[in-house]
């Protein structure tokens, strides 16, 4: 859903959510495909209030160094 490629970035109160079902509860993974909710490639990224739901593979992939998450 979101890729952070720059360093020294602040993420503040973000909720990444992929709609994965119909109103009747039927699962629809073949529609609205999303494999990773948040991918961080930048250095020194801070996240305050990070919520990620319903990605098909990984909720978060954090490859950057020196990052911190407060409230996941």
N, C-alpha and C. Protein backbone atom coordinates (compact mmCIF):
# COMPACT_ATOMS: atom_id res chain seq x y z
N UNK A 1 0.81 -1.18 0.00
CA UNK A 1 0.00 0.00 0.00
C UNK A 1 0.86 1.25 0.00
N UNK A 2 1.89 1.27 0.89
CA UNK A 2 2.75 2.46 1.00
C UNK A 2 4.20 2.01 1.00
N UNK A 3 5.03 2.71 0.23
CA UNK A 3 6.48 2.47 0.22
C UNK A 3 7.17 3.77 0.60
N UNK A 4 8.06 3.71 1.60
CA UNK A 4 8.85 4.86 2.02
C UNK A 4 10.27 4.64 1.50
N UNK A 5 10.68 5.46 0.53
CA UNK A 5 12.02 5.33 -0.06
C UNK A 5 13.00 6.38 0.43
N UNK A 6 12.54 7.35 1.20
CA UNK A 6 13.43 8.43 1.66
C UNK A 6 13.74 8.26 3.13
N UNK A 7 14.88 8.78 3.54
CA UNK A 7 15.29 8.71 4.92
C UNK A 7 14.78 9.91 5.71
N UNK A 8 14.98 9.83 7.04
CA UNK A 8 14.60 10.92 7.93
C UNK A 8 13.13 11.32 7.74
N UNK A 9 12.26 10.31 7.73
CA UNK A 9 10.83 10.48 7.49
C UNK A 9 10.06 10.13 8.75
N UNK A 10 8.98 10.85 9.00
CA UNK A 10 8.11 10.56 10.13
C UNK A 10 6.74 10.11 9.60
N UNK A 11 6.29 8.96 10.10
CA UNK A 11 4.95 8.46 9.81
C UNK A 11 4.13 8.71 11.08
N UNK A 12 3.04 9.45 10.97
CA UNK A 12 2.27 9.81 12.15
C UNK A 12 0.82 9.37 12.03
N UNK A 13 0.43 8.43 12.88
CA UNK A 13 -0.95 7.96 12.99
C UNK A 13 -1.52 7.52 11.64
N UNK A 14 -1.02 6.38 11.16
CA UNK A 14 -1.46 5.86 9.87
C UNK A 14 -2.12 4.50 10.07
N UNK A 15 -3.20 4.28 9.36
CA UNK A 15 -3.91 3.00 9.40
C UNK A 15 -4.04 2.53 7.96
N UNK A 16 -3.27 1.50 7.60
CA UNK A 16 -3.29 0.93 6.26
C UNK A 16 -4.17 -0.31 6.30
N UNK A 17 -5.26 -0.28 5.55
CA UNK A 17 -6.26 -1.33 5.63
C UNK A 17 -6.72 -1.69 4.23
N UNK A 18 -6.71 -2.98 3.92
CA UNK A 18 -7.17 -3.48 2.63
C UNK A 18 -8.51 -4.16 2.82
N UNK A 19 -9.51 -3.70 2.10
CA UNK A 19 -10.83 -4.34 2.17
C UNK A 19 -10.69 -5.76 1.61
N UNK A 20 -11.01 -6.75 2.42
CA UNK A 20 -10.79 -8.14 2.03
C UNK A 20 -12.05 -9.00 2.06
N UNK A 21 -13.21 -8.40 2.24
CA UNK A 21 -14.44 -9.19 2.29
C UNK A 21 -15.65 -8.35 1.89
N UNK A 22 -16.67 -9.04 1.49
CA UNK A 22 -17.95 -8.40 1.18
C UNK A 22 -18.74 -8.20 2.46
N UNK A 23 -19.83 -7.49 2.38
CA UNK A 23 -20.67 -7.24 3.56
C UNK A 23 -21.20 -8.54 4.17
N UNK A 24 -21.38 -9.58 3.35
CA UNK A 24 -21.88 -10.87 3.86
C UNK A 24 -20.78 -11.74 4.47
N UNK A 25 -19.51 -11.23 4.47
CA UNK A 25 -18.40 -11.96 5.07
C UNK A 25 -17.60 -12.81 4.10
N UNK A 26 -18.02 -12.93 2.85
CA UNK A 26 -17.30 -13.73 1.86
C UNK A 26 -15.94 -13.09 1.56
N UNK A 27 -14.89 -13.90 1.60
CA UNK A 27 -13.52 -13.44 1.38
C UNK A 27 -13.28 -13.21 -0.10
N UNK A 28 -12.57 -12.15 -0.45
CA UNK A 28 -12.30 -11.82 -1.85
C UNK A 28 -10.82 -11.46 -2.06
N UNK A 29 -9.92 -12.38 -1.81
CA UNK A 29 -8.50 -12.11 -1.96
C UNK A 29 -8.06 -11.93 -3.41
N UNK A 30 -8.83 -12.39 -4.37
CA UNK A 30 -8.45 -12.25 -5.78
C UNK A 30 -8.73 -10.84 -6.30
N UNK A 31 -9.51 -10.07 -5.56
CA UNK A 31 -9.77 -8.67 -5.92
C UNK A 31 -9.03 -7.78 -4.93
N UNK A 32 -8.66 -6.58 -5.37
CA UNK A 32 -7.97 -5.64 -4.49
C UNK A 32 -6.71 -6.28 -3.88
N UNK A 33 -5.89 -6.87 -4.73
CA UNK A 33 -4.69 -7.59 -4.29
C UNK A 33 -3.66 -6.61 -3.74
N UNK A 34 -3.12 -6.93 -2.58
CA UNK A 34 -2.06 -6.14 -1.97
C UNK A 34 -1.19 -7.08 -1.15
N UNK A 35 0.09 -7.18 -1.50
CA UNK A 35 0.97 -8.13 -0.82
C UNK A 35 1.62 -7.58 0.43
N UNK A 36 1.98 -6.31 0.45
CA UNK A 36 2.67 -5.70 1.59
C UNK A 36 1.96 -4.40 1.97
N UNK A 37 1.67 -4.24 3.25
CA UNK A 37 1.00 -3.03 3.71
C UNK A 37 1.93 -1.83 3.74
N UNK A 38 3.08 -1.95 4.40
CA UNK A 38 4.07 -0.87 4.49
C UNK A 38 5.44 -1.44 4.20
N UNK A 39 6.15 -0.81 3.28
CA UNK A 39 7.54 -1.19 2.97
C UNK A 39 8.41 0.03 3.21
N UNK A 40 9.39 -0.10 4.11
CA UNK A 40 10.28 0.99 4.46
C UNK A 40 11.67 0.68 3.94
N UNK A 41 12.16 1.52 3.05
CA UNK A 41 13.51 1.38 2.49
C UNK A 41 14.45 2.49 2.99
N UNK A 42 13.90 3.57 3.52
CA UNK A 42 14.70 4.71 3.96
C UNK A 42 15.33 4.48 5.32
N UNK A 43 16.38 5.23 5.60
CA UNK A 43 17.08 5.18 6.88
C UNK A 43 16.44 6.18 7.85
N UNK A 44 16.50 5.89 9.14
CA UNK A 44 16.05 6.80 10.19
C UNK A 44 14.57 7.18 10.05
N UNK A 45 13.73 6.21 9.77
CA UNK A 45 12.29 6.44 9.66
C UNK A 45 11.65 6.18 11.02
N UNK A 46 10.82 7.12 11.46
CA UNK A 46 10.09 6.99 12.73
C UNK A 46 8.61 6.83 12.44
N UNK A 47 7.96 5.90 13.14
CA UNK A 47 6.53 5.71 12.97
C UNK A 47 5.85 5.85 14.33
N UNK A 48 4.91 6.76 14.42
CA UNK A 48 4.10 6.98 15.61
C UNK A 48 2.66 6.59 15.28
N UNK A 49 2.16 5.53 15.88
CA UNK A 49 0.80 5.09 15.61
C UNK A 49 0.68 4.42 14.26
N UNK A 50 1.16 3.18 14.16
CA UNK A 50 1.17 2.44 12.90
C UNK A 50 0.23 1.24 13.00
N UNK A 51 -0.78 1.20 12.13
CA UNK A 51 -1.69 0.06 12.07
C UNK A 51 -1.75 -0.44 10.63
N UNK A 52 -1.62 -1.76 10.45
CA UNK A 52 -1.66 -2.36 9.11
C UNK A 52 -2.50 -3.64 9.20
N UNK A 53 -3.45 -3.80 8.26
CA UNK A 53 -4.33 -4.97 8.31
C UNK A 53 -4.58 -5.55 6.92
N UNK A 54 -4.74 -6.85 6.87
CA UNK A 54 -5.27 -7.60 5.74
C UNK A 54 -4.41 -7.64 4.48
N UNK A 55 -3.11 -7.41 4.59
CA UNK A 55 -2.24 -7.63 3.42
C UNK A 55 -2.14 -9.13 3.19
N UNK A 56 -1.94 -9.53 1.95
CA UNK A 56 -1.94 -10.96 1.63
C UNK A 56 -0.67 -11.67 2.06
N UNK A 57 0.48 -10.99 2.09
CA UNK A 57 1.73 -11.63 2.51
C UNK A 57 2.25 -11.02 3.81
N UNK A 58 2.93 -9.90 3.75
CA UNK A 58 3.51 -9.28 4.94
C UNK A 58 2.79 -7.99 5.28
N UNK A 59 2.56 -7.76 6.56
CA UNK A 59 1.99 -6.48 6.96
C UNK A 59 3.02 -5.38 6.80
N UNK A 60 4.25 -5.62 7.28
CA UNK A 60 5.32 -4.62 7.21
C UNK A 60 6.62 -5.30 6.78
N UNK A 61 7.32 -4.68 5.84
CA UNK A 61 8.68 -5.08 5.47
C UNK A 61 9.56 -3.85 5.71
N UNK A 62 10.46 -3.96 6.68
CA UNK A 62 11.28 -2.81 7.10
C UNK A 62 12.73 -3.12 6.78
N UNK A 63 13.24 -2.56 5.68
CA UNK A 63 14.61 -2.81 5.24
C UNK A 63 15.56 -1.68 5.62
N UNK A 64 15.06 -0.51 5.96
CA UNK A 64 15.91 0.62 6.34
C UNK A 64 16.49 0.42 7.73
N UNK A 65 17.61 1.05 7.98
CA UNK A 65 18.29 0.97 9.28
C UNK A 65 17.92 2.14 10.17
N UNK A 66 18.10 1.94 11.47
CA UNK A 66 17.92 2.99 12.50
C UNK A 66 16.49 3.50 12.59
N UNK A 67 15.52 2.70 12.22
CA UNK A 67 14.12 3.10 12.34
C UNK A 67 13.54 2.73 13.70
N UNK A 68 12.46 3.40 14.06
CA UNK A 68 11.79 3.12 15.33
C UNK A 68 10.28 3.19 15.09
N UNK A 69 9.56 2.34 15.83
CA UNK A 69 8.11 2.35 15.80
C UNK A 69 7.61 2.52 17.23
N UNK A 70 6.71 3.49 17.42
CA UNK A 70 6.07 3.72 18.69
C UNK A 70 4.59 3.46 18.52
N UNK A 71 4.07 2.47 19.17
CA UNK A 71 2.67 2.04 19.10
C UNK A 71 2.37 1.41 17.75
N UNK A 72 2.48 0.08 17.72
CA UNK A 72 2.19 -0.70 16.51
C UNK A 72 0.92 -1.46 16.72
